[in-house]
Amino acid sequence: MMGARWWNARAVFIRVAALAWLVPGRGVAQTAPELRLALELSDEGDHAGAALEFRRLAAEDPAGEARGGYYWAAAFEYRKAGEFKLADKMLDRAEDAHPSLGTPALLLRGENAQAAQQWGESDFYFESVLRGPGGTEEKTLASRRLATGRLRQRDAD
């Protein structure tokens, strides 16, 4: 139970941090009104609805980095809704709009691959994070997810 609570708290942190990072030049006061509906839907457990709202925000925002951030957030919400193919599709759009997205996209792609039990693919994404320029927190998360995937494959080494 504590693990689930930890993941939910971590998910909220990642979502807010990613939006703050991916929507440059905008303070919390500026982004809060436009994000309010999407965040409320997510908090209420309507992750598919939140994803649609983030997609709407992406369609309305002309800035590539901001649009990429909204598509990433849509992918994150689709992941939480169990819609892994749509999550991957939104990640494709996010990376097209924001080519330097990097670590956040790799982590989410790894999560999607693990959920689909595509172990080799998930290993690739998490190993890419470990080899890449991300920070300690991202690398720790990637190494834990990599270990989890390998244990599920009964690879204890």
N, C-alpha and C. Protein backbone atom coordinates (compact mmCIF):
# COMPACT_ATOMS: atom_id res chain seq x y z
N MET A 1 0.82 -1.19 0.00
CA MET A 1 0.00 0.00 0.00
C MET A 1 0.86 1.26 0.00
N MET A 2 1.93 1.25 0.78
CA MET A 2 2.79 2.41 0.81
C MET A 2 3.42 2.66 -0.56
N GLY A 3 3.77 1.59 -1.28
CA GLY A 3 4.34 1.74 -2.60
C GLY A 3 3.39 2.45 -3.55
N ALA A 4 2.10 2.10 -3.49
CA ALA A 4 1.12 2.74 -4.35
C ALA A 4 0.97 4.22 -4.00
N ARG A 5 0.95 4.52 -2.70
CA ARG A 5 0.86 5.91 -2.27
C ARG A 5 2.08 6.70 -2.72
N TRP A 6 3.26 6.07 -2.60
CA TRP A 6 4.49 6.72 -3.01
C TRP A 6 4.45 7.02 -4.50
N TRP A 7 4.00 6.03 -5.30
CA TRP A 7 3.95 6.23 -6.75
C TRP A 7 2.99 7.36 -7.11
N ASN A 8 1.81 7.41 -6.44
CA ASN A 8 0.85 8.47 -6.74
C ASN A 8 1.42 9.84 -6.41
N ALA A 9 2.09 9.95 -5.26
CA ALA A 9 2.70 11.23 -4.88
C ALA A 9 3.81 11.58 -5.87
N ARG A 10 4.57 10.59 -6.27
CA ARG A 10 5.65 10.81 -7.22
C ARG A 10 5.07 11.22 -8.58
N ALA A 11 3.96 10.61 -8.97
CA ALA A 11 3.34 10.94 -10.25
C ALA A 11 2.90 12.39 -10.27
N VAL A 12 2.31 12.86 -9.18
CA VAL A 12 1.88 14.26 -9.11
C VAL A 12 3.09 15.17 -9.20
N PHE A 13 4.16 14.83 -8.47
CA PHE A 13 5.37 15.63 -8.51
C PHE A 13 5.95 15.67 -9.92
N ILE A 14 6.05 14.52 -10.54
CA ILE A 14 6.61 14.45 -11.89
C ILE A 14 5.77 15.26 -12.85
N ARG A 15 4.45 15.15 -12.73
CA ARG A 15 3.56 15.88 -13.64
C ARG A 15 3.77 17.39 -13.50
N VAL A 16 3.76 17.87 -12.28
CA VAL A 16 3.90 19.31 -12.06
C VAL A 16 5.30 19.79 -12.45
N ALA A 17 6.32 19.01 -12.08
CA ALA A 17 7.69 19.40 -12.42
C ALA A 17 7.89 19.40 -13.94
N ALA A 18 7.35 18.39 -14.59
CA ALA A 18 7.50 18.32 -16.04
C ALA A 18 6.79 19.47 -16.72
N LEU A 19 5.61 19.81 -16.25
CA LEU A 19 4.89 20.92 -16.86
C LEU A 19 5.64 22.23 -16.63
N ALA A 20 6.18 22.41 -15.43
CA ALA A 20 6.94 23.63 -15.15
C ALA A 20 8.18 23.69 -16.03
N TRP A 21 8.82 22.53 -16.24
CA TRP A 21 10.04 22.47 -17.04
C TRP A 21 9.73 22.55 -18.53
N LEU A 22 8.66 21.90 -18.95
CA LEU A 22 8.37 21.81 -20.37
C LEU A 22 7.61 23.02 -20.92
N VAL A 23 7.07 23.83 -20.04
CA VAL A 23 6.36 25.03 -20.48
C VAL A 23 7.20 26.22 -20.01
N PRO A 24 8.28 26.54 -20.74
CA PRO A 24 9.23 27.54 -20.28
C PRO A 24 8.65 28.95 -20.29
N GLY A 25 9.18 29.77 -19.40
CA GLY A 25 8.81 31.17 -19.38
C GLY A 25 7.45 31.45 -18.78
N ARG A 26 6.85 30.47 -18.20
CA ARG A 26 5.53 30.67 -17.61
C ARG A 26 5.59 30.31 -16.14
N GLY A 27 5.16 31.22 -15.31
CA GLY A 27 5.12 30.94 -13.88
C GLY A 27 3.87 30.16 -13.54
N VAL A 28 3.81 29.67 -12.30
CA VAL A 28 2.65 28.90 -11.87
C VAL A 28 1.37 29.72 -11.98
N ALA A 29 1.46 31.00 -11.64
CA ALA A 29 0.27 31.85 -11.70
C ALA A 29 -0.26 31.96 -13.13
N GLN A 30 0.64 31.94 -14.12
CA GLN A 30 0.21 32.06 -15.50
C GLN A 30 -0.34 30.74 -16.03
N THR A 31 0.23 29.61 -15.63
CA THR A 31 -0.22 28.34 -16.18
C THR A 31 -1.42 27.77 -15.43
N ALA A 32 -1.62 28.14 -14.18
CA ALA A 32 -2.69 27.54 -13.39
C ALA A 32 -4.07 27.66 -14.04
N PRO A 33 -4.50 28.84 -14.52
CA PRO A 33 -5.85 28.92 -15.09
C PRO A 33 -6.06 27.99 -16.29
N GLU A 34 -5.11 27.93 -17.18
CA GLU A 34 -5.29 27.10 -18.37
C GLU A 34 -5.16 25.62 -18.06
N LEU A 35 -4.47 25.27 -17.00
CA LEU A 35 -4.28 23.86 -16.64
C LEU A 35 -5.31 23.35 -15.64
N ARG A 36 -6.09 24.25 -15.08
CA ARG A 36 -6.98 23.89 -13.98
C ARG A 36 -7.89 22.70 -14.31
N LEU A 37 -8.56 22.70 -15.45
CA LEU A 37 -9.48 21.62 -15.80
C LEU A 37 -8.75 20.29 -15.94
N ALA A 38 -7.62 20.31 -16.64
CA ALA A 38 -6.86 19.07 -16.84
C ALA A 38 -6.39 18.50 -15.51
N LEU A 39 -5.89 19.35 -14.64
CA LEU A 39 -5.41 18.88 -13.34
C LEU A 39 -6.55 18.40 -12.45
N GLU A 40 -7.68 19.08 -12.51
CA GLU A 40 -8.85 18.64 -11.73
C GLU A 40 -9.34 17.28 -12.21
N LEU A 41 -9.41 17.10 -13.52
CA LEU A 41 -9.85 15.80 -14.06
C LEU A 41 -8.90 14.69 -13.61
N SER A 42 -7.61 14.97 -13.65
CA SER A 42 -6.63 13.98 -13.22
C SER A 42 -6.80 13.65 -11.74
N ASP A 43 -6.97 14.68 -10.92
CA ASP A 43 -7.14 14.48 -9.48
C ASP A 43 -8.40 13.68 -9.17
N GLU A 44 -9.42 13.82 -10.01
CA GLU A 44 -10.68 13.09 -9.82
C GLU A 44 -10.61 11.67 -10.38
N GLY A 45 -9.49 11.32 -10.99
CA GLY A 45 -9.32 9.97 -11.53
C GLY A 45 -9.78 9.81 -12.97
N ASP A 46 -10.17 10.91 -13.61
CA ASP A 46 -10.58 10.86 -15.01
C ASP A 46 -9.35 11.16 -15.87
N HIS A 47 -8.46 10.18 -15.97
CA HIS A 47 -7.19 10.39 -16.66
C HIS A 47 -7.36 10.53 -18.17
N ALA A 48 -8.32 9.81 -18.74
CA ALA A 48 -8.57 9.96 -20.17
C ALA A 48 -9.10 11.36 -20.46
N GLY A 49 -9.98 11.87 -19.61
CA GLY A 49 -10.49 13.23 -19.77
C GLY A 49 -9.38 14.27 -19.62
N ALA A 50 -8.49 14.05 -18.65
CA ALA A 50 -7.36 14.95 -18.46
C ALA A 50 -6.46 14.93 -19.69
N ALA A 51 -6.25 13.74 -20.24
CA ALA A 51 -5.41 13.62 -21.44
C ALA A 51 -6.02 14.41 -22.60
N LEU A 52 -7.33 14.31 -22.76
CA LEU A 52 -7.99 15.08 -23.83
C LEU A 52 -7.83 16.58 -23.62
N GLU A 53 -7.92 17.01 -22.38
CA GLU A 53 -7.75 18.43 -22.09
C GLU A 53 -6.32 18.89 -22.38
N PHE A 54 -5.33 18.06 -22.04
CA PHE A 54 -3.95 18.40 -22.37
C PHE A 54 -3.75 18.43 -23.89
N ARG A 55 -4.41 17.53 -24.60
CA ARG A 55 -4.33 17.54 -26.07
C ARG A 55 -4.93 18.82 -26.63
N ARG A 56 -6.03 19.27 -26.05
CA ARG A 56 -6.66 20.51 -26.49
C ARG A 56 -5.71 21.68 -26.26
N LEU A 57 -5.06 21.70 -25.10
CA LEU A 57 -4.10 22.77 -24.81
C LEU A 57 -2.93 22.74 -25.79
N ALA A 58 -2.50 21.54 -26.15
CA ALA A 58 -1.40 21.41 -27.12
C ALA A 58 -1.82 21.96 -28.48
N ALA A 59 -3.03 21.67 -28.88
CA ALA A 59 -3.52 22.13 -30.18
C ALA A 59 -3.64 23.65 -30.23
N GLU A 60 -3.90 24.27 -29.08
CA GLU A 60 -4.08 25.72 -29.03
C GLU A 60 -2.78 26.48 -28.85
N ASP A 61 -1.71 25.81 -28.41
CA ASP A 61 -0.46 26.51 -28.10
C ASP A 61 0.48 26.47 -29.29
N PRO A 62 0.87 27.64 -29.82
CA PRO A 62 1.75 27.66 -30.99
C PRO A 62 3.22 27.37 -30.69
N ALA A 63 3.64 27.49 -29.44
CA ALA A 63 5.05 27.29 -29.10
C ALA A 63 5.39 25.81 -29.08
N GLY A 64 6.45 25.42 -29.78
CA GLY A 64 6.83 24.01 -29.88
C GLY A 64 7.14 23.37 -28.54
N GLU A 65 7.91 24.04 -27.68
CA GLU A 65 8.25 23.45 -26.40
C GLU A 65 7.02 23.30 -25.51
N ALA A 66 6.20 24.32 -25.48
CA ALA A 66 4.98 24.24 -24.66
C ALA A 66 4.05 23.16 -25.19
N ARG A 67 3.90 23.11 -26.50
CA ARG A 67 3.05 22.08 -27.11
C ARG A 67 3.59 20.70 -26.78
N GLY A 68 4.91 20.54 -26.84
CA GLY A 68 5.53 19.27 -26.47
C GLY A 68 5.25 18.91 -25.02
N GLY A 69 5.26 19.90 -24.16
CA GLY A 69 4.96 19.65 -22.75
C GLY A 69 3.52 19.18 -22.54
N TYR A 70 2.60 19.81 -23.26
CA TYR A 70 1.20 19.39 -23.14
C TYR A 70 0.99 17.98 -23.70
N TYR A 71 1.64 17.68 -24.81
CA TYR A 71 1.52 16.32 -25.34
C TYR A 71 2.14 15.30 -24.39
N TRP A 72 3.25 15.68 -23.75
CA TRP A 72 3.86 14.77 -22.76
C TRP A 72 2.88 14.53 -21.61
N ALA A 73 2.25 15.60 -21.14
CA ALA A 73 1.28 15.46 -20.05
C ALA A 73 0.09 14.60 -20.49
N ALA A 74 -0.34 14.73 -21.74
CA ALA A 74 -1.42 13.89 -22.26
C ALA A 74 -0.97 12.43 -22.26
N ALA A 75 0.27 12.19 -22.67
CA ALA A 75 0.80 10.82 -22.67
C ALA A 75 0.83 10.26 -21.25
N PHE A 76 1.24 11.08 -20.30
CA PHE A 76 1.29 10.66 -18.90
C PHE A 76 -0.10 10.27 -18.41
N GLU A 77 -1.10 11.07 -18.75
CA GLU A 77 -2.47 10.78 -18.33
C GLU A 77 -3.02 9.54 -19.03
N TYR A 78 -2.72 9.38 -20.32
CA TYR A 78 -3.16 8.17 -21.02
C TYR A 78 -2.51 6.94 -20.39
N ARG A 79 -1.27 7.06 -19.97
CA ARG A 79 -0.58 5.96 -19.29
C ARG A 79 -1.33 5.58 -18.03
N LYS A 80 -1.72 6.58 -17.27
CA LYS A 80 -2.46 6.32 -16.03
C LYS A 80 -3.84 5.72 -16.31
N ALA A 81 -4.40 6.02 -17.48
CA ALA A 81 -5.70 5.48 -17.87
C ALA A 81 -5.58 4.09 -18.48
N GLY A 82 -4.35 3.62 -18.67
CA GLY A 82 -4.14 2.30 -19.25
C GLY A 82 -4.19 2.28 -20.76
N GLU A 83 -4.15 3.44 -21.38
CA GLU A 83 -4.19 3.57 -22.85
C GLU A 83 -2.77 3.73 -23.37
N PHE A 84 -2.03 2.62 -23.42
CA PHE A 84 -0.60 2.69 -23.72
C PHE A 84 -0.31 3.09 -25.17
N LYS A 85 -1.13 2.64 -26.11
CA LYS A 85 -0.90 3.02 -27.51
C LYS A 85 -1.11 4.51 -27.71
N LEU A 86 -2.16 5.05 -27.08
CA LEU A 86 -2.38 6.50 -27.18
C LEU A 86 -1.26 7.26 -26.47
N ALA A 87 -0.76 6.72 -25.38
CA ALA A 87 0.36 7.36 -24.68
C ALA A 87 1.58 7.44 -25.59
N ASP A 88 1.87 6.35 -26.28
CA ASP A 88 3.01 6.36 -27.21
C ASP A 88 2.79 7.33 -28.36
N LYS A 89 1.56 7.41 -28.84
CA LYS A 89 1.23 8.34 -29.91
C LYS A 89 1.45 9.79 -29.45
N MET A 90 1.03 10.10 -28.22
CA MET A 90 1.23 11.45 -27.70
C MET A 90 2.72 11.74 -27.47
N LEU A 91 3.48 10.71 -27.07
CA LEU A 91 4.92 10.90 -26.91
C LEU A 91 5.58 11.20 -28.25
N ASP A 92 5.11 10.55 -29.32
CA ASP A 92 5.62 10.86 -30.65
C ASP A 92 5.38 12.33 -30.98
N ARG A 93 4.18 12.80 -30.70
CA ARG A 93 3.85 14.20 -30.97
C ARG A 93 4.67 15.13 -30.09
N ALA A 94 4.85 14.74 -28.82
CA ALA A 94 5.64 15.56 -27.90
C ALA A 94 7.07 15.71 -28.40
N GLU A 95 7.66 14.61 -28.86
CA GLU A 95 9.04 14.66 -29.34
C GLU A 95 9.14 15.40 -30.66
N ASP A 96 8.11 15.35 -31.49
CA ASP A 96 8.11 16.13 -32.73
C ASP A 96 8.07 17.63 -32.42
N ALA A 97 7.25 18.00 -31.44
CA ALA A 97 7.10 19.42 -31.08
C ALA A 97 8.29 19.93 -30.26
N HIS A 98 8.90 19.04 -29.51
CA HIS A 98 9.98 19.42 -28.58
C HIS A 98 11.08 18.36 -28.67
N PRO A 99 11.91 18.41 -29.73
CA PRO A 99 12.90 17.36 -29.98
C PRO A 99 13.90 17.11 -28.84
N SER A 100 14.12 18.09 -28.00
CA SER A 100 15.07 17.90 -26.91
C SER A 100 14.40 17.40 -25.62
N LEU A 101 13.24 16.82 -25.74
CA LEU A 101 12.48 16.35 -24.58
C LEU A 101 13.28 15.36 -23.74
N GLY A 102 13.93 14.42 -24.37
CA GLY A 102 14.88 13.54 -23.70
C GLY A 102 14.35 12.67 -22.58
N THR A 103 14.90 12.85 -21.40
CA THR A 103 14.68 11.96 -20.26
C THR A 103 13.21 11.76 -19.90
N PRO A 104 12.38 12.81 -19.80
CA PRO A 104 10.98 12.56 -19.46
C PRO A 104 10.28 11.63 -20.46
N ALA A 105 10.59 11.78 -21.73
CA ALA A 105 9.98 10.92 -22.75
C ALA A 105 10.50 9.49 -22.62
N LEU A 106 11.79 9.33 -22.41
CA LEU A 106 12.36 7.99 -22.26
C LEU A 106 11.78 7.25 -21.06
N LEU A 107 11.64 7.95 -19.94
CA LEU A 107 11.07 7.31 -18.75
C LEU A 107 9.63 6.84 -19.00
N LEU A 108 8.84 7.69 -19.62
CA LEU A 108 7.45 7.33 -19.88
C LEU A 108 7.35 6.22 -20.92
N ARG A 109 8.20 6.25 -21.92
CA ARG A 109 8.22 5.15 -22.91
C ARG A 109 8.61 3.83 -22.23
N GLY A 110 9.55 3.88 -21.32
CA GLY A 110 9.94 2.68 -20.58
C GLY A 110 8.80 2.14 -19.74
N GLU A 111 8.06 3.04 -19.10
CA GLU A 111 6.90 2.63 -18.30
C GLU A 111 5.84 1.97 -19.19
N ASN A 112 5.59 2.56 -20.36
CA ASN A 112 4.62 1.99 -21.28
C ASN A 112 5.04 0.60 -21.76
N ALA A 113 6.31 0.46 -22.09
CA ALA A 113 6.80 -0.83 -22.56
C ALA A 113 6.71 -1.89 -21.47
N GLN A 114 7.01 -1.51 -20.24
CA GLN A 114 6.87 -2.48 -19.15
C GLN A 114 5.42 -2.89 -18.96
N ALA A 115 4.52 -1.93 -19.04
CA ALA A 115 3.10 -2.26 -18.86
C ALA A 115 2.62 -3.23 -19.93
N ALA A 116 3.21 -3.14 -21.13
CA ALA A 116 2.85 -4.04 -22.22
C ALA A 116 3.71 -5.32 -22.21
N GLN A 117 4.53 -5.46 -21.17
CA GLN A 117 5.44 -6.60 -21.01
C GLN A 117 6.39 -6.75 -22.19
N GLN A 118 6.82 -5.64 -22.71
CA GLN A 118 7.83 -5.60 -23.77
C GLN A 118 9.16 -5.31 -23.09
N TRP A 119 9.73 -6.35 -22.51
CA TRP A 119 10.86 -6.20 -21.61
C TRP A 119 12.11 -5.66 -22.29
N GLY A 120 12.43 -6.14 -23.45
CA GLY A 120 13.61 -5.65 -24.15
C GLY A 120 13.52 -4.17 -24.47
N GLU A 121 12.33 -3.77 -24.89
CA GLU A 121 12.10 -2.37 -25.21
C GLU A 121 12.19 -1.50 -23.96
N SER A 122 11.59 -1.96 -22.87
CA SER A 122 11.65 -1.17 -21.63
C SER A 122 13.09 -1.08 -21.13
N ASP A 123 13.84 -2.18 -21.23
CA ASP A 123 15.25 -2.15 -20.83
C ASP A 123 16.00 -1.09 -21.63
N PHE A 124 15.74 -1.04 -22.94
CA PHE A 124 16.41 -0.07 -23.81
C PHE A 124 16.17 1.36 -23.32
N TYR A 125 14.91 1.69 -23.04
CA TYR A 125 14.59 3.06 -22.63
C TYR A 125 15.22 3.40 -21.29
N PHE A 126 15.12 2.50 -20.33
CA PHE A 126 15.69 2.79 -19.01
C PHE A 126 17.21 2.84 -19.05
N GLU A 127 17.83 1.97 -19.84
CA GLU A 127 19.30 2.02 -19.99
C GLU A 127 19.72 3.31 -20.68
N SER A 128 18.89 3.81 -21.59
CA SER A 128 19.19 5.08 -22.25
C SER A 128 19.20 6.23 -21.25
N VAL A 129 18.27 6.19 -20.31
CA VAL A 129 18.25 7.22 -19.26
C VAL A 129 19.52 7.11 -18.41
N LEU A 130 19.90 5.89 -18.07
CA LEU A 130 21.10 5.70 -17.24
C LEU A 130 22.36 6.19 -17.95
N ARG A 131 22.43 6.06 -19.26
CA ARG A 131 23.60 6.50 -20.02
C ARG A 131 23.54 7.98 -20.39
N GLY A 132 22.36 8.57 -20.28
CA GLY A 132 22.15 9.94 -20.73
C GLY A 132 22.51 10.99 -19.70
N PRO A 133 22.17 12.25 -20.02
CA PRO A 133 22.56 13.38 -19.18
C PRO A 133 21.63 13.69 -18.01
N GLY A 134 20.63 12.88 -17.73
CA GLY A 134 19.66 13.17 -16.68
C GLY A 134 20.28 13.29 -15.31
N GLY A 135 19.50 13.79 -14.38
CA GLY A 135 19.94 13.96 -13.00
C GLY A 135 19.87 12.67 -12.20
N THR A 136 20.32 12.76 -10.97
CA THR A 136 20.37 11.60 -10.08
C THR A 136 19.00 10.99 -9.85
N GLU A 137 17.99 11.83 -9.65
CA GLU A 137 16.64 11.32 -9.38
C GLU A 137 16.10 10.52 -10.56
N GLU A 138 16.30 11.03 -11.76
CA GLU A 138 15.83 10.32 -12.95
C GLU A 138 16.57 9.01 -13.14
N LYS A 139 17.88 9.03 -12.90
CA LYS A 139 18.67 7.81 -13.04
C LYS A 139 18.30 6.77 -11.98
N THR A 140 18.00 7.23 -10.77
CA THR A 140 17.56 6.30 -9.72
C THR A 140 16.24 5.65 -10.11
N LEU A 141 15.30 6.45 -10.60
CA LEU A 141 14.01 5.91 -11.04
C LEU A 141 14.21 4.91 -12.17
N ALA A 142 15.06 5.25 -13.14
CA ALA A 142 15.31 4.36 -14.27
C ALA A 142 15.95 3.05 -13.82
N SER A 143 16.89 3.12 -12.89
CA SER A 143 17.55 1.89 -12.43
C SER A 143 16.58 1.01 -11.65
N ARG A 144 15.69 1.61 -10.89
CA ARG A 144 14.68 0.83 -10.16
C ARG A 144 13.70 0.16 -11.13
N ARG A 145 13.27 0.90 -12.13
CA ARG A 145 12.34 0.33 -13.12
C ARG A 145 13.03 -0.77 -13.93
N LEU A 146 14.28 -0.57 -14.25
CA LEU A 146 15.05 -1.58 -14.97
C LEU A 146 15.16 -2.85 -14.13
N ALA A 147 15.47 -2.70 -12.85
CA ALA A 147 15.57 -3.85 -11.96
C ALA A 147 14.22 -4.55 -11.82
N THR A 148 13.15 -3.78 -11.71
CA THR A 148 11.81 -4.36 -11.60
C THR A 148 11.48 -5.19 -12.83
N GLY A 149 11.78 -4.66 -13.99
CA GLY A 149 11.51 -5.39 -15.24
C GLY A 149 12.31 -6.68 -15.32
N ARG A 150 13.55 -6.61 -14.92
CA ARG A 150 14.39 -7.81 -14.99
C ARG A 150 13.94 -8.86 -13.98
N LEU A 151 13.48 -8.43 -12.82
CA LEU A 151 12.95 -9.40 -11.86
C LEU A 151 11.67 -10.05 -12.38
N ARG A 152 10.86 -9.27 -13.04
CA ARG A 152 9.64 -9.85 -13.64
C ARG A 152 9.96 -10.84 -14.73
N GLN A 153 11.13 -10.71 -15.34
CA GLN A 153 11.57 -11.67 -16.35
C GLN A 153 12.32 -12.84 -15.72
N ARG A 154 12.38 -12.83 -14.40
CA ARG A 154 13.09 -13.85 -13.62
C ARG A 154 14.61 -13.83 -13.89
N ASP A 155 15.12 -12.62 -14.10
CA ASP A 155 16.55 -12.41 -14.29
C ASP A 155 17.09 -11.74 -13.03
N ALA A 156 17.44 -12.54 -12.05
CA ALA A 156 17.86 -12.01 -10.75
C ALA A 156 19.26 -11.41 -10.79
N ASP A 157 20.06 -11.72 -11.79
CA ASP A 157 21.40 -11.16 -11.85
C ASP A 157 21.34 -9.67 -12.09
